Protein backbone atom coordinates (compact mmCIF):
# COMPACT_ATOMS: atom_id res chain seq x y z
CA MET A 1 104.60 63.40 111.17
CA LYS A 2 104.70 65.81 108.22
CA SER A 3 101.25 66.98 107.15
CA ARG A 4 101.72 65.67 103.64
CA LEU A 5 102.16 62.14 105.00
CA TYR A 6 98.73 62.05 106.63
CA PRO A 7 96.82 61.58 103.35
CA ALA A 8 99.11 58.60 102.66
CA VAL A 9 97.63 56.93 105.75
CA ALA A 10 94.13 57.30 104.29
CA ALA A 11 95.33 56.09 100.88
CA VAL A 12 97.02 52.99 102.33
CA ILE A 13 93.94 52.05 104.38
CA CYS A 14 91.63 52.62 101.41
CA GLY A 15 93.88 50.72 99.00
CA MET A 16 94.45 47.80 101.37
CA ASP A 17 90.73 47.43 102.08
CA LEU A 18 89.78 47.62 98.39
CA TYR A 19 92.46 45.04 97.57
CA LEU A 20 91.24 42.67 100.29
CA LYS A 21 87.65 43.13 99.14
CA SER A 22 88.63 42.20 95.58
CA ARG A 23 90.44 39.07 96.84
CA VAL A 24 87.43 38.04 98.89
CA GLU A 25 85.17 38.61 95.88
CA LYS A 26 87.34 36.24 93.82
CA CYS A 27 88.21 33.62 96.44
CA VAL A 28 85.27 33.29 98.85
CA LYS A 29 81.78 32.11 98.01
CA PRO A 30 78.79 33.73 99.72
CA GLY A 31 78.00 31.76 102.87
CA GLU A 32 81.46 30.17 102.98
CA GLU A 33 83.57 30.74 106.08
CA LYS A 34 87.32 30.18 106.26
CA LYS A 35 88.54 30.01 109.85
CA LEU A 36 92.01 31.38 110.50
CA SER A 37 93.50 28.66 112.69
CA GLY A 38 94.65 29.67 116.14
CA THR A 39 92.67 32.92 116.04
CA PRO A 40 89.07 33.94 116.68
CA PHE A 41 88.96 35.43 113.16
CA SER A 42 87.41 34.03 110.02
CA ILE A 43 87.06 35.19 106.44
CA ARG A 44 83.58 35.23 104.95
CA LYS A 45 81.81 37.25 102.28
CA VAL A 46 78.80 39.33 103.25
CA TYR A 47 77.24 42.16 101.29
CA ASN A 48 75.94 45.22 103.12
CA ARG A 49 73.65 47.48 101.10
CA GLY A 50 72.98 49.78 104.05
CA VAL A 51 75.15 51.48 106.63
CA ALA A 52 76.18 49.80 109.89
CA PHE A 53 74.07 46.72 110.63
CA ASN A 54 72.27 47.10 107.27
CA LEU A 55 70.40 50.23 108.33
CA LEU A 56 68.73 51.99 105.37
CA GLN A 57 69.40 49.04 103.05
CA ASP A 58 65.96 49.41 101.50
CA GLN A 59 66.53 53.09 100.68
CA PRO A 60 69.31 53.23 98.06
CA LYS A 61 68.72 56.86 97.03
CA THR A 62 68.89 58.00 100.65
CA MET A 63 72.03 55.87 101.13
CA ARG A 64 73.72 57.45 98.10
CA MET A 65 72.85 60.96 99.23
CA LEU A 66 73.95 60.39 102.84
CA THR A 67 77.22 58.64 102.03
CA THR A 68 78.17 61.13 99.32
CA SER A 69 77.44 64.04 101.66
CA ALA A 70 79.30 62.45 104.56
CA VAL A 71 82.41 61.65 102.50
CA ALA A 72 82.44 65.15 100.99
CA ALA A 73 82.15 66.73 104.45
CA VAL A 74 84.93 64.55 105.88
CA VAL A 75 87.29 65.31 102.99
CA ALA A 76 86.56 69.04 103.27
CA TYR A 77 87.23 68.93 107.02
CA ASP A 78 90.46 66.97 106.38
CA PHE A 79 91.64 69.62 103.95
CA ILE A 80 91.12 72.36 106.55
CA LEU A 81 92.61 70.28 109.37
CA LEU A 82 95.74 69.35 107.44
CA HIS A 83 96.60 73.02 107.01
CA GLN A 84 96.63 73.58 110.77
CA LYS A 85 99.71 73.21 112.96
CA GLY A 86 99.92 70.40 115.50
CA ARG A 87 96.82 68.31 116.28
CA HIS A 88 98.67 65.18 115.19
CA LEU A 89 96.46 62.63 116.94
CA LEU A 90 93.33 64.26 115.50
CA LYS A 91 94.89 64.30 112.01
CA LEU A 92 95.86 60.64 112.26
CA GLY A 93 92.41 59.71 113.53
CA MET A 94 90.70 61.62 110.74
CA MET A 95 92.91 59.97 108.11
CA CYS A 96 92.01 56.53 109.48
CA MET A 97 88.32 57.39 109.32
CA THR A 98 88.72 58.91 105.86
CA GLY A 99 90.54 55.87 104.48
CA GLY A 100 87.88 53.51 105.79
CA ALA A 101 85.03 55.72 104.65
CA LEU A 102 86.52 56.11 101.17
CA SER A 103 86.97 52.37 100.66
CA ASN A 104 83.37 51.70 101.67
CA PHE A 105 82.20 54.62 99.52
CA VAL A 106 84.08 53.31 96.46
CA ASP A 107 82.52 49.89 97.02
CA ARG A 108 79.06 51.42 97.30
CA VAL A 109 79.51 53.50 94.12
CA ARG A 110 80.98 50.61 92.09
CA HIS A 111 78.72 47.80 93.27
CA GLY A 112 75.82 49.36 95.18
CA LYS A 113 76.95 47.47 98.28
CA VAL A 114 79.91 47.10 100.61
CA VAL A 115 81.82 43.83 100.88
CA ASP A 116 82.42 42.80 104.49
CA TYR A 117 84.77 39.88 105.11
CA ILE A 118 86.11 39.65 108.69
CA GLY A 119 84.20 37.62 111.25
CA ILE A 120 85.13 37.35 114.91
CA ARG A 121 84.09 34.24 116.84
CA THR A 122 83.02 34.92 120.42
CA HIS A 123 80.65 33.31 122.87
CA TRP A 124 78.20 36.14 122.10
CA GLU A 125 76.18 34.85 119.16
CA LYS A 126 74.97 38.28 118.01
CA PHE A 127 78.51 39.71 117.95
CA SER A 128 79.82 36.62 116.13
CA SER A 129 77.23 37.06 113.38
CA ILE A 130 78.48 40.56 112.46
CA THR A 131 80.96 40.81 109.59
CA TYR A 132 83.40 43.70 109.18
CA ASN A 133 86.09 44.92 106.80
CA VAL A 134 89.39 46.72 107.34
CA GLY A 135 87.69 50.05 106.56
CA ASP A 136 85.25 49.49 109.43
CA PHE A 137 88.11 48.87 111.87
CA ALA A 138 89.94 51.95 110.59
CA ILE A 139 86.82 54.07 111.09
CA PHE A 140 86.48 52.77 114.64
CA ALA A 141 90.17 53.29 115.46
CA GLY A 142 90.04 56.78 113.94
CA ALA A 143 86.99 57.67 116.01
CA VAL A 144 88.78 56.57 119.18
CA MET A 145 91.82 58.67 118.23
CA THR A 146 89.71 61.75 117.54
CA VAL A 147 88.01 61.45 120.93
CA LEU A 148 91.36 60.92 122.65
CA SER A 149 92.77 63.94 120.81
CA GLU A 150 90.32 66.12 122.73
CA PHE A 151 91.85 64.96 126.02
CA PHE A 152 95.40 65.50 124.78
CA GLN A 153 94.87 68.50 122.50
CA ASN A 154 97.69 70.53 124.04
CA LYS A 155 100.12 67.59 123.98
CA ASN A 156 99.75 66.29 120.42
């Protein structure tokens, strides 16, 4: 993949997640759950004022400082990484994480909270109660790719 295409991955993830969040904001009431038939997935609207699992939700200034610093550091690292040869799996993983982080950051800056909207029904009650968004899945997938890139660093 050409290095200039990697930022497009981040942009597509960010744009798609922000679009889906706006649709959920307009079409789903808080507390409402729309099951997607034939799948374990459902659409619901949950606001997260903290980071994962609502950590730091009662400390908005700390949240702003941490998320702004983290996004700035990731974007700076991306800029350096994209100017290196090879390392394709790492670049792809970082762009997935960046796209997800940016969409959640934009949400946090605009609204002071992140809109989560994907539920997964399982027989584990605690897991079923957690709500995600596409950005969260992209961050997770990107983290897996970056770890895997360390094992395959000479081959990617």
